[in-house]
Amino acid sequence: MKPSKSRNQLIYRASHVVRSKQISSPLSKELQKKYTKKSVRVIEGDSIKIIRGEFKGVDGKIANISVKKSSLAIEGVKKEKTKGDKFDVYVHSSNVIVTSLNSDDKWRISKLEGKKPSSKKNETLNKETKVEKIKEKEDATLNKETKVEKIKEKEDEE
């Protein structure tokens, strides 16, 4: 198969899900040292700096992501039409550097740090269920003891 045909299948004829996964940008030097990764999949709320194109040097947050164009709309980066209307300018994800990450998604951050995010949830759930089971057993034994005591009291009264 020709290289151009392979490239077209990977980039231009990719499904929506595959294209969504391909939207990534390089990390800044500080973030590369912190997370030991060179690039990250971008999401809305990440702070970026444009490094190529007409708006080179502009900092901002990602306002919208276009999967079809593999591009990002950045807050504050707009162009003006001849009639005065303003519209968002989409910058390709490879033309920006991520300067800070949106830390709302704890799973994403733990994945970047190299930790297993799912194991933490299971451990905490296991601990909670173990504690609940112990309490249930204690309650069951207490109930049996109180029943035995009540029976003895009734026998004594008779």
N, C-alpha and C. Protein backbone atom coordinates (compact mmCIF):
# COMPACT_ATOMS: atom_id res chain seq x y z
N MET A 1 0.85 -1.18 0.00
CA MET A 1 0.00 0.00 0.00
C MET A 1 0.89 1.24 0.00
N LYS A 2 0.48 2.22 -0.77
CA LYS A 2 1.26 3.45 -0.86
C LYS A 2 1.18 4.23 0.46
N PRO A 3 2.23 4.92 0.81
CA PRO A 3 2.21 5.72 2.04
C PRO A 3 1.10 6.76 2.07
N SER A 4 0.83 7.37 0.91
CA SER A 4 -0.21 8.40 0.87
C SER A 4 -1.58 7.80 1.17
N LYS A 5 -1.81 6.58 0.71
CA LYS A 5 -3.08 5.92 0.96
C LYS A 5 -3.24 5.60 2.44
N SER A 6 -2.17 5.13 3.08
CA SER A 6 -2.19 4.84 4.52
C SER A 6 -2.45 6.12 5.31
N ARG A 7 -1.79 7.19 4.92
CA ARG A 7 -1.94 8.47 5.60
C ARG A 7 -3.37 8.97 5.48
N ASN A 8 -3.94 8.86 4.29
CA ASN A 8 -5.32 9.31 4.09
C ASN A 8 -6.29 8.53 4.97
N GLN A 9 -6.07 7.24 5.11
CA GLN A 9 -6.95 6.43 5.95
C GLN A 9 -6.82 6.84 7.42
N LEU A 10 -5.60 7.14 7.85
CA LEU A 10 -5.38 7.50 9.25
C LEU A 10 -5.87 8.90 9.60
N ILE A 11 -5.74 9.82 8.65
CA ILE A 11 -6.06 11.22 8.97
C ILE A 11 -7.40 11.66 8.39
N TYR A 12 -7.54 11.61 7.10
CA TYR A 12 -8.68 12.23 6.44
C TYR A 12 -9.93 11.37 6.44
N ARG A 13 -9.79 10.06 6.41
CA ARG A 13 -10.96 9.18 6.39
C ARG A 13 -11.16 8.46 7.72
N ALA A 14 -10.59 8.99 8.77
CA ALA A 14 -10.72 8.39 10.10
C ALA A 14 -12.12 8.61 10.64
N SER A 15 -12.59 7.68 11.48
CA SER A 15 -13.90 7.83 12.09
C SER A 15 -13.86 8.97 13.11
N HIS A 16 -15.04 9.36 13.55
CA HIS A 16 -15.16 10.47 14.50
C HIS A 16 -14.43 10.16 15.81
N VAL A 17 -14.54 8.93 16.27
CA VAL A 17 -13.91 8.53 17.53
C VAL A 17 -12.39 8.59 17.42
N VAL A 18 -11.85 8.08 16.30
CA VAL A 18 -10.40 8.08 16.09
C VAL A 18 -9.89 9.51 15.96
N ARG A 19 -10.62 10.35 15.24
CA ARG A 19 -10.21 11.75 15.10
C ARG A 19 -10.22 12.47 16.44
N SER A 20 -11.19 12.17 17.26
CA SER A 20 -11.27 12.80 18.58
C SER A 20 -10.03 12.46 19.41
N LYS A 21 -9.56 11.21 19.29
CA LYS A 21 -8.38 10.80 20.03
C LYS A 21 -7.11 11.43 19.49
N GLN A 22 -7.12 11.87 18.23
CA GLN A 22 -5.94 12.42 17.59
C GLN A 22 -5.72 13.89 17.93
N ILE A 23 -6.68 14.54 18.57
CA ILE A 23 -6.53 15.96 18.89
C ILE A 23 -5.66 16.10 20.13
N SER A 24 -4.37 16.25 19.92
CA SER A 24 -3.44 16.43 21.03
C SER A 24 -2.46 17.53 20.70
N SER A 25 -1.86 18.07 21.74
CA SER A 25 -0.89 19.16 21.58
C SER A 25 0.31 18.89 22.47
N PRO A 26 1.46 19.43 22.09
CA PRO A 26 2.65 19.25 22.93
C PRO A 26 2.52 20.02 24.25
N LEU A 27 3.16 19.50 25.28
CA LEU A 27 3.18 20.15 26.58
C LEU A 27 4.34 21.13 26.66
N SER A 28 4.23 22.12 27.53
CA SER A 28 5.34 23.04 27.77
C SER A 28 6.46 22.29 28.49
N LYS A 29 7.66 22.87 28.52
CA LYS A 29 8.83 22.22 29.12
C LYS A 29 8.59 21.86 30.59
N GLU A 30 7.94 22.77 31.35
CA GLU A 30 7.69 22.52 32.76
C GLU A 30 6.75 21.33 32.94
N LEU A 31 5.68 21.27 32.13
CA LEU A 31 4.73 20.17 32.24
C LEU A 31 5.34 18.86 31.76
N GLN A 32 6.26 18.94 30.79
CA GLN A 32 6.94 17.73 30.33
C GLN A 32 7.77 17.13 31.46
N LYS A 33 8.44 17.99 32.22
CA LYS A 33 9.24 17.51 33.35
C LYS A 33 8.34 16.94 34.45
N LYS A 34 7.21 17.59 34.69
CA LYS A 34 6.31 17.18 35.76
C LYS A 34 5.65 15.83 35.46
N TYR A 35 5.14 15.67 34.23
CA TYR A 35 4.37 14.47 33.89
C TYR A 35 5.15 13.44 33.07
N THR A 36 6.36 13.76 32.65
CA THR A 36 7.21 12.90 31.81
C THR A 36 6.48 12.43 30.55
N LYS A 37 5.70 13.32 29.96
CA LYS A 37 5.01 13.08 28.69
C LYS A 37 5.28 14.27 27.80
N LYS A 38 5.32 14.04 26.48
CA LYS A 38 5.59 15.14 25.55
C LYS A 38 4.33 15.81 25.05
N SER A 39 3.22 15.04 24.95
CA SER A 39 1.99 15.63 24.45
C SER A 39 0.81 15.08 25.24
N VAL A 40 -0.32 15.77 25.12
CA VAL A 40 -1.52 15.39 25.85
C VAL A 40 -2.74 15.69 24.98
N ARG A 41 -3.78 14.91 25.18
CA ARG A 41 -5.04 15.17 24.50
C ARG A 41 -5.67 16.39 25.15
N VAL A 42 -6.02 17.38 24.35
CA VAL A 42 -6.53 18.63 24.90
C VAL A 42 -8.03 18.54 25.15
N ILE A 43 -8.48 19.28 26.16
CA ILE A 43 -9.89 19.41 26.46
C ILE A 43 -10.20 20.88 26.71
N GLU A 44 -11.49 21.20 26.75
CA GLU A 44 -11.89 22.58 27.01
C GLU A 44 -11.44 22.98 28.41
N GLY A 45 -10.90 24.19 28.52
CA GLY A 45 -10.43 24.68 29.81
C GLY A 45 -8.93 24.65 29.97
N ASP A 46 -8.21 23.91 29.11
CA ASP A 46 -6.76 23.91 29.15
C ASP A 46 -6.24 25.27 28.69
N SER A 47 -5.18 25.78 29.33
CA SER A 47 -4.55 27.03 28.90
C SER A 47 -3.46 26.69 27.89
N ILE A 48 -3.44 27.45 26.80
CA ILE A 48 -2.48 27.17 25.73
C ILE A 48 -1.80 28.46 25.26
N LYS A 49 -0.74 28.29 24.48
CA LYS A 49 -0.05 29.40 23.85
C LYS A 49 0.12 29.02 22.38
N ILE A 50 -0.27 29.93 21.48
CA ILE A 50 -0.16 29.67 20.04
C ILE A 50 1.29 29.91 19.63
N ILE A 51 1.89 28.95 18.92
CA ILE A 51 3.30 29.07 18.54
C ILE A 51 3.50 29.25 17.03
N ARG A 52 2.45 29.04 16.23
CA ARG A 52 2.56 29.23 14.78
C ARG A 52 1.32 29.91 14.24
N GLY A 53 1.50 30.63 13.15
CA GLY A 53 0.36 31.22 12.48
C GLY A 53 0.20 32.70 12.75
N GLU A 54 -0.95 33.20 12.34
CA GLU A 54 -1.26 34.63 12.42
C GLU A 54 -1.31 35.14 13.85
N PHE A 55 -1.74 34.31 14.78
CA PHE A 55 -1.92 34.71 16.17
C PHE A 55 -0.78 34.21 17.06
N LYS A 56 0.40 34.06 16.50
CA LYS A 56 1.56 33.55 17.23
C LYS A 56 1.82 34.39 18.48
N GLY A 57 2.05 33.71 19.62
CA GLY A 57 2.36 34.38 20.87
C GLY A 57 1.15 34.66 21.75
N VAL A 58 -0.07 34.40 21.27
CA VAL A 58 -1.27 34.68 22.04
C VAL A 58 -1.52 33.55 23.04
N ASP A 59 -1.82 33.93 24.30
CA ASP A 59 -2.18 32.97 25.34
C ASP A 59 -3.69 32.98 25.52
N GLY A 60 -4.24 31.86 25.90
CA GLY A 60 -5.68 31.80 26.16
C GLY A 60 -6.11 30.43 26.59
N LYS A 61 -7.42 30.31 26.86
CA LYS A 61 -8.00 29.02 27.24
C LYS A 61 -8.78 28.48 26.05
N ILE A 62 -8.87 27.16 25.99
CA ILE A 62 -9.62 26.52 24.92
C ILE A 62 -11.10 26.68 25.21
N ALA A 63 -11.83 27.30 24.26
CA ALA A 63 -13.25 27.52 24.43
C ALA A 63 -14.07 26.41 23.77
N ASN A 64 -13.60 25.91 22.62
CA ASN A 64 -14.34 24.90 21.88
C ASN A 64 -13.36 24.05 21.09
N ILE A 65 -13.74 22.80 20.83
CA ILE A 65 -12.90 21.89 20.05
C ILE A 65 -13.71 21.40 18.87
N SER A 66 -13.14 21.51 17.67
CA SER A 66 -13.77 21.00 16.46
C SER A 66 -13.06 19.71 16.06
N VAL A 67 -13.75 18.59 16.22
CA VAL A 67 -13.17 17.30 15.89
C VAL A 67 -12.99 17.17 14.38
N LYS A 68 -13.93 17.72 13.63
CA LYS A 68 -13.88 17.61 12.18
C LYS A 68 -12.64 18.31 11.60
N LYS A 69 -12.31 19.47 12.17
CA LYS A 69 -11.16 20.25 11.69
C LYS A 69 -9.87 19.93 12.46
N SER A 70 -9.95 19.15 13.52
CA SER A 70 -8.82 18.91 14.45
C SER A 70 -8.26 20.23 14.95
N SER A 71 -9.15 21.14 15.26
CA SER A 71 -8.75 22.50 15.63
C SER A 71 -9.42 22.94 16.92
N LEU A 72 -8.89 24.03 17.46
CA LEU A 72 -9.34 24.56 18.74
C LEU A 72 -9.75 26.02 18.58
N ALA A 73 -10.84 26.39 19.22
CA ALA A 73 -11.23 27.80 19.32
C ALA A 73 -10.73 28.30 20.66
N ILE A 74 -10.03 29.42 20.65
CA ILE A 74 -9.41 29.95 21.86
C ILE A 74 -10.12 31.24 22.27
N GLU A 75 -10.35 31.38 23.58
CA GLU A 75 -11.00 32.58 24.09
C GLU A 75 -10.15 33.80 23.75
N GLY A 76 -10.78 34.82 23.20
CA GLY A 76 -10.08 36.05 22.89
C GLY A 76 -9.48 36.09 21.50
N VAL A 77 -9.46 34.98 20.77
CA VAL A 77 -8.92 34.96 19.41
C VAL A 77 -10.10 34.97 18.45
N LYS A 78 -10.38 36.15 17.90
CA LYS A 78 -11.51 36.32 16.99
C LYS A 78 -11.08 37.17 15.80
N LYS A 79 -11.79 36.99 14.69
CA LYS A 79 -11.61 37.83 13.52
C LYS A 79 -12.89 38.60 13.29
N GLU A 80 -12.76 39.72 12.57
CA GLU A 80 -13.91 40.56 12.33
C GLU A 80 -14.29 40.51 10.86
N LYS A 81 -15.58 40.40 10.60
CA LYS A 81 -16.08 40.42 9.23
C LYS A 81 -16.19 41.87 8.77
N THR A 82 -16.44 42.07 7.49
CA THR A 82 -16.54 43.43 6.96
C THR A 82 -17.74 44.18 7.54
N LYS A 83 -18.78 43.47 7.91
CA LYS A 83 -19.97 44.10 8.49
C LYS A 83 -19.81 44.38 9.98
N GLY A 84 -18.73 43.89 10.59
CA GLY A 84 -18.49 44.16 12.00
C GLY A 84 -18.73 42.97 12.91
N ASP A 85 -19.29 41.89 12.38
CA ASP A 85 -19.50 40.70 13.19
C ASP A 85 -18.16 40.03 13.50
N LYS A 86 -18.08 39.43 14.68
CA LYS A 86 -16.86 38.72 15.05
C LYS A 86 -17.15 37.22 15.07
N PHE A 87 -16.14 36.43 14.71
CA PHE A 87 -16.29 34.97 14.72
C PHE A 87 -15.01 34.34 15.25
N ASP A 88 -15.17 33.13 15.80
CA ASP A 88 -14.03 32.41 16.37
C ASP A 88 -13.09 31.95 15.28
N VAL A 89 -11.80 32.01 15.59
CA VAL A 89 -10.77 31.49 14.70
C VAL A 89 -10.32 30.14 15.26
N TYR A 90 -10.32 29.12 14.42
CA TYR A 90 -9.88 27.80 14.84
C TYR A 90 -8.42 27.61 14.48
N VAL A 91 -7.62 27.19 15.48
CA VAL A 91 -6.19 26.97 15.31
C VAL A 91 -5.96 25.47 15.41
N HIS A 92 -5.16 24.91 14.51
CA HIS A 92 -4.90 23.48 14.53
C HIS A 92 -4.18 23.10 15.83
N SER A 93 -4.51 21.94 16.36
CA SER A 93 -3.99 21.53 17.67
C SER A 93 -2.48 21.35 17.69
N SER A 94 -1.86 21.15 16.53
CA SER A 94 -0.41 20.99 16.50
C SER A 94 0.32 22.34 16.55
N ASN A 95 -0.41 23.43 16.40
CA ASN A 95 0.19 24.76 16.38
C ASN A 95 0.13 25.47 17.74
N VAL A 96 -0.18 24.72 18.79
CA VAL A 96 -0.25 25.31 20.13
C VAL A 96 0.56 24.47 21.11
N ILE A 97 0.91 25.09 22.23
CA ILE A 97 1.58 24.39 23.34
C ILE A 97 0.70 24.54 24.57
N VAL A 98 0.48 23.44 25.28
CA VAL A 98 -0.33 23.46 26.49
C VAL A 98 0.53 23.98 27.64
N THR A 99 0.08 25.09 28.26
CA THR A 99 0.84 25.71 29.36
C THR A 99 0.31 25.30 30.73
N SER A 100 -0.99 25.02 30.84
CA SER A 100 -1.54 24.48 32.08
C SER A 100 -2.77 23.65 31.75
N LEU A 101 -2.99 22.65 32.59
CA LEU A 101 -4.06 21.69 32.33
C LEU A 101 -5.29 22.00 33.15
N ASN A 102 -6.45 21.66 32.60
CA ASN A 102 -7.71 21.74 33.32
C ASN A 102 -7.73 20.57 34.29
N SER A 103 -7.70 20.84 35.59
CA SER A 103 -7.57 19.78 36.59
C SER A 103 -8.91 19.32 37.16
N ASP A 104 -10.03 19.61 36.47
CA ASP A 104 -11.33 19.16 36.94
C ASP A 104 -11.46 17.64 36.88
N ASP A 105 -10.85 17.04 35.85
CA ASP A 105 -10.95 15.60 35.66
C ASP A 105 -9.81 14.90 36.38
N LYS A 106 -10.09 14.35 37.56
CA LYS A 106 -9.06 13.70 38.38
C LYS A 106 -8.51 12.46 37.70
N TRP A 107 -9.35 11.76 36.94
CA TRP A 107 -8.92 10.56 36.22
C TRP A 107 -7.83 10.90 35.22
N ARG A 108 -8.01 12.00 34.49
CA ARG A 108 -7.03 12.43 33.48
C ARG A 108 -5.69 12.77 34.13
N ILE A 109 -5.72 13.49 35.24
CA ILE A 109 -4.49 13.90 35.93
C ILE A 109 -3.76 12.67 36.47
N SER A 110 -4.48 11.73 37.08
CA SER A 110 -3.82 10.54 37.62
C SER A 110 -3.25 9.69 36.49
N LYS A 111 -3.90 9.68 35.35
CA LYS A 111 -3.40 8.94 34.18
C LYS A 111 -2.10 9.59 33.68
N LEU A 112 -2.05 10.92 33.67
CA LEU A 112 -0.85 11.63 33.24
C LEU A 112 0.31 11.38 34.21
N GLU A 113 0.01 11.29 35.49
CA GLU A 113 1.05 11.06 36.49
C GLU A 113 1.55 9.63 36.49
N GLY A 114 0.88 8.77 35.73
CA GLY A 114 1.31 7.39 35.63
C GLY A 114 0.71 6.48 36.67
N LYS A 115 -0.32 6.95 37.35
CA LYS A 115 -0.99 6.13 38.36
C LYS A 115 -2.16 5.40 37.71
N LYS A 116 -2.60 4.34 38.37
CA LYS A 116 -3.77 3.63 37.88
C LYS A 116 -5.01 4.22 38.55
N PRO A 117 -5.82 4.98 37.79
CA PRO A 117 -6.95 5.66 38.40
C PRO A 117 -8.04 4.72 38.90
N SER A 118 -8.24 3.60 38.24
CA SER A 118 -9.33 2.71 38.61
C SER A 118 -9.03 1.97 39.91
N SER A 119 -7.76 1.69 40.19
CA SER A 119 -7.42 0.93 41.40
C SER A 119 -7.73 1.71 42.67
N LYS A 120 -7.58 3.01 42.64
CA LYS A 120 -7.88 3.83 43.81
C LYS A 120 -9.35 3.71 44.18
N LYS A 121 -10.22 3.78 43.18
CA LYS A 121 -11.65 3.70 43.44
C LYS A 121 -11.99 2.33 44.03
N ASN A 122 -11.42 1.27 43.46
CA ASN A 122 -11.69 -0.07 43.95
C ASN A 122 -11.21 -0.24 45.38
N GLU A 123 -10.03 0.28 45.69
CA GLU A 123 -9.49 0.16 47.04
C GLU A 123 -10.40 0.85 48.05
N THR A 124 -10.84 2.05 47.74
CA THR A 124 -11.70 2.78 48.67
C THR A 124 -13.04 2.07 48.79
N LEU A 125 -13.57 1.57 47.68
CA LEU A 125 -14.83 0.85 47.74
C LEU A 125 -14.67 -0.43 48.56
N ASN A 126 -13.57 -1.14 48.35
CA ASN A 126 -13.34 -2.36 49.11
C ASN A 126 -13.24 -2.07 50.60
N LYS A 127 -12.53 -1.01 50.97
CA LYS A 127 -12.40 -0.65 52.38
C LYS A 127 -13.77 -0.32 52.97
N GLU A 128 -14.58 0.46 52.20
CA GLU A 128 -15.89 0.85 52.69
C GLU A 128 -16.79 -0.37 52.86
N THR A 129 -16.76 -1.27 51.89
CA THR A 129 -17.61 -2.46 51.98
C THR A 129 -17.16 -3.36 53.12
N LYS A 130 -15.85 -3.45 53.34
CA LYS A 130 -15.36 -4.25 54.46
C LYS A 130 -15.85 -3.68 55.78
N VAL A 131 -15.78 -2.37 55.94
CA VAL A 131 -16.23 -1.72 57.17
C VAL A 131 -17.73 -1.95 57.36
N GLU A 132 -18.49 -1.83 56.26
CA GLU A 132 -19.94 -2.05 56.34
C GLU A 132 -20.25 -3.49 56.75
N LYS A 133 -19.53 -4.45 56.16
CA LYS A 133 -19.77 -5.86 56.50
C LYS A 133 -19.46 -6.13 57.97
N ILE A 134 -18.38 -5.54 58.47
CA ILE A 134 -18.02 -5.71 59.88
C ILE A 134 -19.12 -5.14 60.77
N LYS A 135 -19.64 -3.96 60.41
CA LYS A 135 -20.71 -3.35 61.20
C LYS A 135 -21.97 -4.21 61.17
N GLU A 136 -22.27 -4.78 60.00
CA GLU A 136 -23.45 -5.64 59.89
C GLU A 136 -23.30 -6.86 60.78
N LYS A 137 -22.11 -7.46 60.78
CA LYS A 137 -21.87 -8.63 61.63
C LYS A 137 -22.03 -8.26 63.11
N GLU A 138 -21.49 -7.10 63.50
CA GLU A 138 -21.61 -6.65 64.89
C GLU A 138 -23.08 -6.45 65.25
N ASP A 139 -23.83 -5.82 64.33
CA ASP A 139 -25.25 -5.60 64.58
C ASP A 139 -25.99 -6.93 64.71
N ALA A 140 -25.63 -7.88 63.86
CA ALA A 140 -26.28 -9.19 63.92
C ALA A 140 -26.02 -9.88 65.25
N THR A 141 -24.76 -9.82 65.71
CA THR A 141 -24.43 -10.45 67.00
C THR A 141 -25.13 -9.72 68.14
N LEU A 142 -25.20 -8.40 68.07
CA LEU A 142 -25.90 -7.64 69.11
C LEU A 142 -27.38 -8.01 69.14
N ASN A 143 -27.98 -8.14 67.96
CA ASN A 143 -29.39 -8.50 67.88
C ASN A 143 -29.62 -9.88 68.50
N LYS A 144 -28.74 -10.83 68.23
CA LYS A 144 -28.87 -12.17 68.80
C LYS A 144 -28.76 -12.11 70.31
N GLU A 145 -27.80 -11.33 70.81
CA GLU A 145 -27.61 -11.21 72.26
C GLU A 145 -28.83 -10.58 72.91
N THR A 146 -29.38 -9.53 72.31
CA THR A 146 -30.56 -8.89 72.90
C THR A 146 -31.75 -9.82 72.87
N LYS A 147 -31.88 -10.62 71.81
CA LYS A 147 -32.98 -11.58 71.74
C LYS A 147 -32.85 -12.62 72.84
N VAL A 148 -31.63 -13.11 73.02
CA VAL A 148 -31.39 -14.10 74.08
C VAL A 148 -31.71 -13.51 75.44
N GLU A 149 -31.32 -12.27 75.68
CA GLU A 149 -31.59 -11.60 76.95
C GLU A 149 -33.09 -11.43 77.17
N LYS A 150 -33.81 -11.06 76.12
CA LYS A 150 -35.26 -10.88 76.24
C LYS A 150 -35.96 -12.20 76.56
N ILE A 151 -35.49 -13.26 75.92
CA ILE A 151 -36.07 -14.57 76.17
C ILE A 151 -35.84 -14.99 77.63
N LYS A 152 -34.63 -14.75 78.12
CA LYS A 152 -34.31 -15.08 79.51
C LYS A 152 -35.16 -14.27 80.47
N GLU A 153 -35.38 -13.00 80.17
CA GLU A 153 -36.21 -12.15 81.01
C GLU A 153 -37.64 -12.67 81.06
N LYS A 154 -38.19 -13.09 79.92
CA LYS A 154 -39.56 -13.61 79.89
C LYS A 154 -39.65 -14.90 80.70
N GLU A 155 -38.62 -15.74 80.58
CA GLU A 155 -38.62 -16.99 81.34
C GLU A 155 -38.56 -16.71 82.84
N ASP A 156 -37.78 -15.73 83.22
CA ASP A 156 -37.68 -15.37 84.63
C ASP A 156 -38.99 -14.84 85.17
N GLU A 157 -39.70 -14.05 84.34
CA GLU A 157 -40.98 -13.48 84.76
C GLU A 157 -42.04 -14.57 84.95
N GLU A 158 -41.98 -15.60 84.11
CA GLU A 158 -42.97 -16.67 84.20
C GLU A 158 -42.69 -17.52 85.38
